[in-house]
Protein backbone atom coordinates (compact mmCIF):
# COMPACT_ATOMS: atom_id res chain seq x y z
CA MET A 1 -93.02 11.30 -59.26
CA ALA A 2 -90.07 11.04 -56.83
CA GLU A 3 -90.11 7.25 -56.06
CA ALA A 4 -89.56 6.43 -59.61
CA PHE A 5 -87.04 9.04 -60.62
CA ILE A 6 -85.02 7.63 -57.29
CA GLN A 7 -85.44 4.18 -58.23
CA ILE A 8 -84.32 5.10 -61.70
CA LEU A 9 -81.72 7.30 -59.79
CA LEU A 10 -80.56 4.10 -57.69
CA ASP A 11 -80.63 1.67 -60.69
CA ASN A 12 -78.32 4.19 -62.40
CA LEU A 13 -75.90 4.48 -59.84
CA THR A 14 -75.32 0.61 -58.82
CA SER A 15 -74.60 0.16 -62.47
CA PHE A 16 -72.16 2.84 -62.63
CA ILE A 17 -70.07 1.62 -59.41
CA GLN A 18 -70.35 -2.04 -60.97
CA GLU A 19 -68.91 -0.57 -64.20
CA GLU A 20 -65.98 0.70 -62.62
CA VAL A 21 -66.45 4.15 -63.55
CA GLY A 22 -66.34 5.71 -60.11
CA LEU A 23 -63.07 3.96 -59.40
CA PHE A 24 -61.72 5.25 -62.67
CA PHE A 25 -62.24 9.23 -61.11
CA GLY A 26 -61.42 7.80 -57.78
CA PHE A 27 -64.99 8.80 -56.67
CA GLU A 28 -65.90 5.11 -55.66
CA ASN A 29 -66.23 5.82 -51.92
CA GLU A 30 -68.44 8.83 -52.49
CA PHE A 31 -70.87 6.82 -55.17
CA ASN A 32 -71.36 4.14 -52.64
CA LYS A 33 -72.41 6.73 -49.98
CA LEU A 34 -74.45 8.43 -52.36
CA LEU A 35 -76.32 5.22 -52.68
CA SER A 36 -76.46 4.44 -49.42
CA THR A 37 -78.32 7.86 -48.44
CA PHE A 38 -80.66 7.41 -51.37
CA SER A 39 -81.62 4.27 -50.19
CA THR A 40 -82.18 5.21 -47.15
CA ILE A 41 -84.15 8.16 -47.95
CA GLN A 42 -85.83 6.09 -50.65
CA ILE A 43 -87.97 3.72 -48.15
CA VAL A 44 -89.91 6.91 -46.57
CA ILE A 45 -91.07 8.32 -50.12
CA GLU A 46 -93.95 6.71 -50.23
CA ASP A 47 -95.46 7.79 -46.48
CA ALA A 48 -94.23 11.13 -47.65
CA GLN A 49 -95.96 11.46 -50.53
CA GLU A 50 -99.11 10.39 -49.10
CA LYS A 51 -99.13 13.11 -45.86
CA GLN A 52 -97.59 15.95 -48.57
CA LEU A 53 -100.78 16.99 -49.13
CA LYS A 54 -101.69 18.38 -45.17
CA ASP A 55 -97.82 19.18 -44.70
CA LYS A 56 -96.38 22.08 -46.49
CA PRO A 57 -92.98 21.62 -45.05
CA LEU A 58 -92.91 17.84 -46.42
CA GLU A 59 -94.15 19.03 -49.96
CA ASN A 60 -90.66 21.53 -49.27
CA TRP A 61 -88.45 18.53 -48.73
CA LEU A 62 -89.55 16.36 -51.54
CA GLN A 63 -88.82 18.86 -53.70
CA LYS A 64 -85.15 19.60 -52.01
CA LEU A 65 -85.07 15.52 -52.40
CA ASN A 66 -86.36 15.91 -56.00
CA VAL A 67 -83.83 18.99 -56.79
CA ALA A 68 -80.66 16.61 -55.17
CA ALA A 69 -81.75 13.58 -57.09
CA TYR A 70 -81.57 15.56 -60.04
CA GLU A 71 -78.16 16.78 -59.34
CA ALA A 72 -76.53 13.62 -58.54
CA ASP A 73 -78.27 12.12 -61.95
CA ASP A 74 -76.48 15.07 -64.24
CA ILE A 75 -72.87 14.27 -62.10
CA LEU A 76 -73.44 10.51 -63.07
CA GLY A 77 -74.25 11.93 -66.85
CA GLU A 78 -71.03 13.77 -66.74
CA CYS A 79 -69.02 11.34 -65.38
CA ARG A 80 -70.13 8.91 -68.18
CA THR A 81 -69.81 11.19 -70.74
CA GLU A 82 -66.02 12.13 -69.68
CA THR A 83 -65.22 8.34 -69.23
CA ALA A 84 -66.63 7.67 -73.21
CA ARG A 85 -64.41 10.83 -74.15
CA LEU A 86 -61.55 10.29 -72.08
CA LYS A 87 -60.75 6.24 -72.63
CA HIS A 88 -58.34 6.50 -75.20
CA TYR A 89 -56.06 8.79 -73.05
CA ARG A 90 -52.57 6.72 -72.68
CA LEU A 91 -52.26 8.66 -69.50
CA GLY A 92 -54.86 6.96 -67.81
CA ARG A 93 -56.39 8.94 -64.54
CA TYR A 94 -53.11 11.35 -64.42
CA HIS A 95 -54.26 12.48 -67.75
CA PRO A 96 -54.79 16.54 -67.00
CA ARG A 97 -58.01 16.59 -68.57
CA ILE A 98 -59.04 13.86 -65.95
CA ILE A 99 -57.56 15.63 -62.98
CA THR A 100 -59.15 19.11 -63.91
CA PHE A 101 -62.36 16.99 -64.21
CA ARG A 102 -61.46 14.93 -61.23
CA LEU A 103 -61.06 18.43 -59.24
CA LYS A 104 -64.56 19.62 -60.79
CA ILE A 105 -66.24 16.67 -59.87
CA GLY A 106 -65.47 15.82 -56.80
CA LYS A 107 -66.40 19.76 -55.57
CA ARG A 108 -69.72 18.81 -56.90
CA MET A 109 -70.08 15.76 -55.59
CA LYS A 110 -68.96 17.32 -52.09
CA GLU A 111 -71.26 20.02 -52.27
CA MET A 112 -74.22 17.85 -53.12
CA MET A 113 -73.10 15.17 -50.23
CA GLU A 114 -73.55 18.00 -48.27
CA LYS A 115 -76.86 19.22 -49.15
CA LEU A 116 -78.30 15.26 -48.64
CA ASP A 117 -76.96 15.30 -45.91
CA ILE A 118 -79.05 17.71 -44.62
CA ILE A 119 -81.94 16.61 -46.33
CA ALA A 120 -81.51 13.31 -44.64
CA LYS A 121 -81.44 14.59 -40.93
CA GLU A 122 -84.89 17.11 -42.12
CA ARG A 123 -86.56 13.13 -42.68
CA ALA A 124 -86.31 12.38 -39.06
CA ASP A 125 -88.27 15.54 -38.09
CA PHE A 126 -91.27 14.33 -40.19
CA HIS A 127 -91.99 10.76 -38.17
CA LEU A 128 -91.96 9.06 -41.52
CA ARG A 129 -92.92 5.65 -41.46
CA GLU A 130 -91.15 3.40 -43.60
CA LYS A 131 -92.15 1.08 -46.19
CA ILE A 132 -90.04 -2.04 -48.22
CA ILE A 133 -90.68 -0.87 -52.21
CA GLU A 134 -90.50 -4.67 -53.25
CA ARG A 135 -90.00 -4.55 -57.18
CA GLN A 136 -90.80 -7.47 -58.92
CA ALA A 137 -90.69 -8.79 -62.17
CA ALA A 138 -93.39 -9.48 -64.35
CA ARG A 139 -93.78 -13.53 -64.96
CA PRO A 140 -96.19 -15.12 -67.67
CA GLU A 141 -98.34 -17.79 -66.20
CA THR A 142 -96.87 -21.30 -66.62
CA GLY A 143 -99.26 -24.27 -65.80
CA PHE A 144 -99.70 -27.61 -68.03
CA VAL A 145 -102.87 -27.11 -69.78
CA LEU A 146 -101.76 -25.83 -73.22
CA THR A 147 -104.28 -24.42 -75.02
CA GLU A 148 -104.69 -23.63 -78.75
CA PRO A 149 -106.18 -20.47 -80.02
CA GLN A 150 -109.45 -20.50 -81.11
CA VAL A 151 -110.25 -18.70 -84.65
CA TYR A 152 -113.49 -18.17 -85.19
CA GLY A 153 -115.49 -17.65 -88.55
CA ARG A 154 -112.91 -19.37 -90.85
CA ASP A 155 -114.00 -22.90 -91.08
CA LYS A 156 -114.66 -22.78 -95.45
CA GLU A 157 -111.21 -20.98 -95.84
CA GLU A 158 -109.33 -24.02 -93.70
CA ASP A 159 -111.12 -26.72 -95.36
CA GLU A 160 -110.39 -25.18 -98.79
CA ILE A 161 -106.68 -25.02 -97.30
CA VAL A 162 -106.80 -28.50 -96.13
CA LYS A 163 -108.01 -29.56 -99.76
CA ILE A 164 -105.15 -27.99 -101.49
CA LEU A 165 -102.45 -29.71 -99.33
């Protein structure tokens, strides 16, 4: 479960950074660090999930990681919502509402990054193996042989249609 959600979070963070929303609020470096930390943790999640049944502290670590991932997702959601709401202000980044929002989110980001740093340091205690997760898009098979679909039981109707034409 953690593996799938963290992959979604990484995709959201990547698009968030590419849209330069973090730059609008002045948190581009923080979001890049967040992306880097979750990417580093993601490569050991599969091993952690395999070992969690035998190791209760590891199960606790995965729960902490899930909580941190959901907090990061909440912060991203708030930033996207606030960006959509505040884009029409003429003062841009210096509007009073944006400044207060930046202070609020900045504090939450700092707290979350501290938690995430602790989680990342705890990862070393479990001696987890790194596994590269490769995602490949499903591609349809291609070939040079064309096949026509077979329709069974409609020979009589087919002959009637051909006669009409």
